[in-house]
Amino acid sequence: MRDHQHMVFTTAARMLGNDRQAEDIAQEAFLKAYEHFDHLRTNPAAGGWLRTVTRNLTFNYLGRHRRRWRLFTEMRAENDADEPGMDIPAPDDLLADINTDMRHALIEQALARLPDHQRLPLVLYHFEDMSYEEIASQLRISMAKLKVDLFRARAALAKTLLHKGVTADTELTP
């Protein structure tokens, strides 16, 4: 189980954007693992089981707060008409020349700054390898809303990274 501590925590932290809440989710996931320890001890799929449990616990946590989250999302959508045009997301090679550890840290910081309705679909798609259909179903949102949230999340992520001075031509040293 110790081998999976980092994976469990980072899964919850990326989805939640909050380390303290992620610690609570990770603790709950390992309590569930303890309850099933006899089965998991020799199971080669224990890591996958833990990831699924962590994801489900995080969804349950978010579900308790979903009503408030939707309200703010809807309020934001109504106010979007007042904002100037959306920025186009940066190309996929934005961070190509940056040290892997530095890139990881910059992405984690930028992800933490995104609002829940943008961060969660982005994490589920890019880090948890869920399909658009699975994400829309899990979050109980339309496919159109999911695509808009993902587009805006990518744009906001690129904008945050660009504000840090990161471009495809930038070379940073840790």
Protein backbone atom coordinates (compact mmCIF):
# COMPACT_ATOMS: atom_id res chain seq x y z
CA MET A 1 0.00 0.00 0.00
CA ARG A 2 2.90 2.37 0.66
CA ASP A 3 3.80 2.11 -3.01
CA HIS A 4 0.48 3.75 -3.87
CA GLN A 5 0.43 6.66 -1.40
CA HIS A 6 1.62 9.26 -3.88
CA MET A 7 -0.78 8.10 -6.60
CA VAL A 8 -3.79 8.19 -4.25
CA PHE A 9 -2.96 11.64 -2.93
CA THR A 10 -2.19 13.19 -6.32
CA THR A 11 -5.35 11.73 -7.86
CA ALA A 12 -7.48 13.37 -5.17
CA ALA A 13 -5.44 16.59 -5.12
CA ARG A 14 -5.72 17.09 -8.86
CA MET A 15 -9.43 16.48 -8.84
CA LEU A 16 -10.09 18.67 -5.82
CA GLY A 17 -7.41 21.32 -6.17
CA ASN A 18 -7.04 21.32 -2.40
CA ASP A 19 -4.32 19.41 -0.56
CA ARG A 20 -6.10 19.34 2.80
CA GLN A 21 -9.24 17.80 1.29
CA ALA A 22 -7.08 15.43 -0.75
CA GLU A 23 -5.41 14.22 2.45
CA ASP A 24 -8.84 13.43 3.89
CA ILE A 25 -9.84 11.54 0.74
CA ALA A 26 -6.53 9.63 0.72
CA GLN A 27 -6.99 8.67 4.35
CA GLU A 28 -10.49 7.42 3.62
CA ALA A 29 -9.23 5.45 0.60
CA PHE A 30 -6.59 3.72 2.73
CA LEU A 31 -9.18 2.93 5.39
CA LYS A 32 -11.19 1.18 2.70
CA ALA A 33 -8.03 -0.61 1.57
CA TYR A 34 -7.42 -1.73 5.15
CA GLU A 35 -10.93 -3.19 5.25
CA HIS A 36 -10.07 -5.23 2.14
CA PHE A 37 -6.42 -5.85 2.99
CA ASP A 38 -6.60 -9.68 2.89
CA HIS A 39 -7.81 -9.53 -0.71
CA LEU A 40 -5.59 -6.63 -1.83
CA ARG A 41 -2.34 -7.85 -0.30
CA THR A 42 -1.71 -10.34 -3.09
CA ASN A 43 -3.77 -8.70 -5.81
CA PRO A 44 -1.64 -7.24 -8.61
CA ALA A 45 -4.49 -4.83 -9.45
CA ALA A 46 -4.44 -3.18 -6.01
CA GLY A 47 -3.18 0.10 -7.47
CA GLY A 48 -6.05 0.26 -9.95
CA TRP A 49 -8.52 -0.60 -7.20
CA LEU A 50 -7.12 2.20 -5.04
CA ARG A 51 -7.28 4.71 -7.91
CA THR A 52 -10.92 3.81 -8.57
CA VAL A 53 -11.80 4.06 -4.88
CA THR A 54 -10.03 7.42 -4.65
CA ARG A 55 -11.82 8.72 -7.71
CA ASN A 56 -15.20 7.55 -6.38
CA LEU A 57 -14.58 9.03 -2.93
CA THR A 58 -13.64 12.32 -4.58
CA PHE A 59 -16.78 12.26 -6.71
CA ASN A 60 -18.83 11.59 -3.57
CA TYR A 61 -17.20 14.54 -1.84
CA LEU A 62 -17.81 16.78 -4.83
CA GLY A 63 -21.37 15.51 -5.11
CA ARG A 64 -22.08 16.87 -1.66
CA HIS A 65 -20.94 20.26 -2.90
CA ARG A 66 -22.27 19.93 -6.45
CA ARG A 67 -25.36 22.08 -5.94
CA ARG A 68 -23.28 25.06 -4.85
CA TRP A 69 -20.73 24.37 -7.60
CA ARG A 70 -23.46 24.35 -10.27
CA LEU A 71 -24.94 27.58 -8.96
CA PHE A 72 -21.60 29.37 -9.27
CA THR A 73 -20.98 27.81 -12.69
CA GLU A 74 -24.35 29.01 -13.94
CA MET A 75 -23.81 32.48 -12.49
CA ARG A 76 -20.41 32.61 -14.20
CA ALA A 77 -21.93 31.53 -17.52
CA GLU A 78 -24.45 34.38 -17.35
CA ASN A 79 -21.66 36.91 -16.74
CA ASP A 80 -19.44 35.58 -19.54
CA ALA A 81 -21.17 37.83 -22.07
CA ASP A 82 -19.55 40.84 -20.38
CA GLU A 83 -16.04 39.49 -20.88
CA PRO A 84 -13.90 40.07 -23.96
CA GLY A 85 -13.29 37.16 -26.34
CA MET A 86 -11.72 33.97 -25.06
CA ASP A 87 -8.03 33.39 -25.57
CA ILE A 88 -7.12 30.49 -27.79
CA PRO A 89 -5.32 27.71 -25.88
CA ALA A 90 -1.59 27.46 -26.44
CA PRO A 91 -0.21 24.61 -28.54
CA ASP A 92 0.55 21.23 -26.99
CA ASP A 93 4.29 21.92 -27.18
CA LEU A 94 4.02 24.91 -24.82
CA LEU A 95 6.16 23.19 -22.19
CA ALA A 96 8.25 21.03 -24.52
CA ASP A 97 11.65 22.51 -23.64
CA ILE A 98 11.20 22.64 -19.87
CA ASN A 99 12.71 20.21 -17.40
CA THR A 100 10.15 17.49 -16.60
CA ASP A 101 10.08 18.20 -12.85
CA MET A 102 9.68 21.93 -13.42
CA ARG A 103 6.94 21.29 -15.97
CA HIS A 104 5.12 19.03 -13.52
CA ALA A 105 5.29 21.64 -10.76
CA LEU A 106 4.10 24.44 -13.04
CA ILE A 107 1.17 22.41 -14.30
CA GLU A 108 0.16 21.38 -10.78
CA GLN A 109 0.25 25.02 -9.64
CA ALA A 110 -1.74 26.18 -12.65
CA LEU A 111 -4.29 23.39 -12.18
CA ALA A 112 -4.80 24.36 -8.54
CA ARG A 113 -5.76 27.88 -9.65
CA LEU A 114 -8.52 26.72 -11.96
CA PRO A 115 -12.11 26.78 -10.69
CA ASP A 116 -13.62 23.37 -9.91
CA HIS A 117 -15.86 23.29 -12.98
CA GLN A 118 -12.79 23.66 -15.22
CA ARG A 119 -10.13 21.75 -13.26
CA LEU A 120 -12.16 18.60 -12.63
CA PRO A 121 -13.05 17.78 -16.27
CA LEU A 122 -9.50 18.62 -17.35
CA VAL A 123 -7.97 16.30 -14.73
CA LEU A 124 -10.43 13.51 -15.46
CA TYR A 125 -9.70 13.67 -19.17
CA HIS A 126 -5.94 14.20 -19.17
CA PHE A 127 -4.84 12.49 -15.94
CA GLU A 128 -7.53 9.89 -15.31
CA ASP A 129 -8.01 8.93 -18.99
CA MET A 130 -11.79 9.15 -18.83
CA SER A 131 -13.75 9.71 -22.05
CA TYR A 132 -15.92 12.77 -22.63
CA GLU A 133 -19.01 10.58 -22.24
CA GLU A 134 -17.82 9.16 -18.91
CA ILE A 135 -16.96 12.62 -17.57
CA ALA A 136 -20.27 14.17 -18.65
CA SER A 137 -22.17 11.28 -17.09
CA GLN A 138 -20.19 11.36 -13.85
CA LEU A 139 -20.51 15.14 -13.46
CA ARG A 140 -24.12 15.12 -14.67
CA ILE A 141 -23.54 17.83 -17.24
CA SER A 142 -24.25 18.03 -20.96
CA MET A 143 -21.62 17.17 -23.51
CA ALA A 144 -21.75 20.78 -24.77
CA LYS A 145 -21.04 22.16 -21.28
CA LEU A 146 -18.21 19.68 -20.82
CA LYS A 147 -16.57 20.74 -24.07
CA VAL A 148 -16.90 24.43 -23.20
CA ASP A 149 -15.47 23.84 -19.71
CA LEU A 150 -12.55 21.86 -21.15
CA PHE A 151 -11.86 24.51 -23.77
CA ARG A 152 -11.91 27.27 -21.15
CA ALA A 153 -9.79 25.19 -18.76
CA ARG A 154 -7.13 24.63 -21.40
CA ALA A 155 -7.18 28.33 -22.30
CA ALA A 156 -6.92 29.39 -18.65
CA LEU A 157 -4.14 26.86 -18.01
CA ALA A 158 -2.18 28.12 -21.02
CA LYS A 159 -2.74 31.73 -19.95
CA THR A 160 -1.51 31.01 -16.41
CA LEU A 161 1.58 29.27 -17.75
CA LEU A 162 2.27 32.11 -20.18
CA HIS A 163 2.00 34.62 -17.31
CA LYS A 164 4.77 32.65 -15.59
CA GLY A 165 6.89 33.37 -18.63
CA VAL A 166 6.65 29.88 -19.97
CA THR A 167 6.59 29.52 -23.73
CA ALA A 168 7.64 26.75 -26.07
CA ASP A 169 11.01 28.49 -26.47
CA THR A 170 11.64 28.94 -22.73
CA GLU A 171 14.28 26.88 -20.99
CA LEU A 172 14.00 26.87 -17.21
CA THR A 173 16.36 25.31 -14.74
CA PRO A 174 15.13 24.08 -11.37
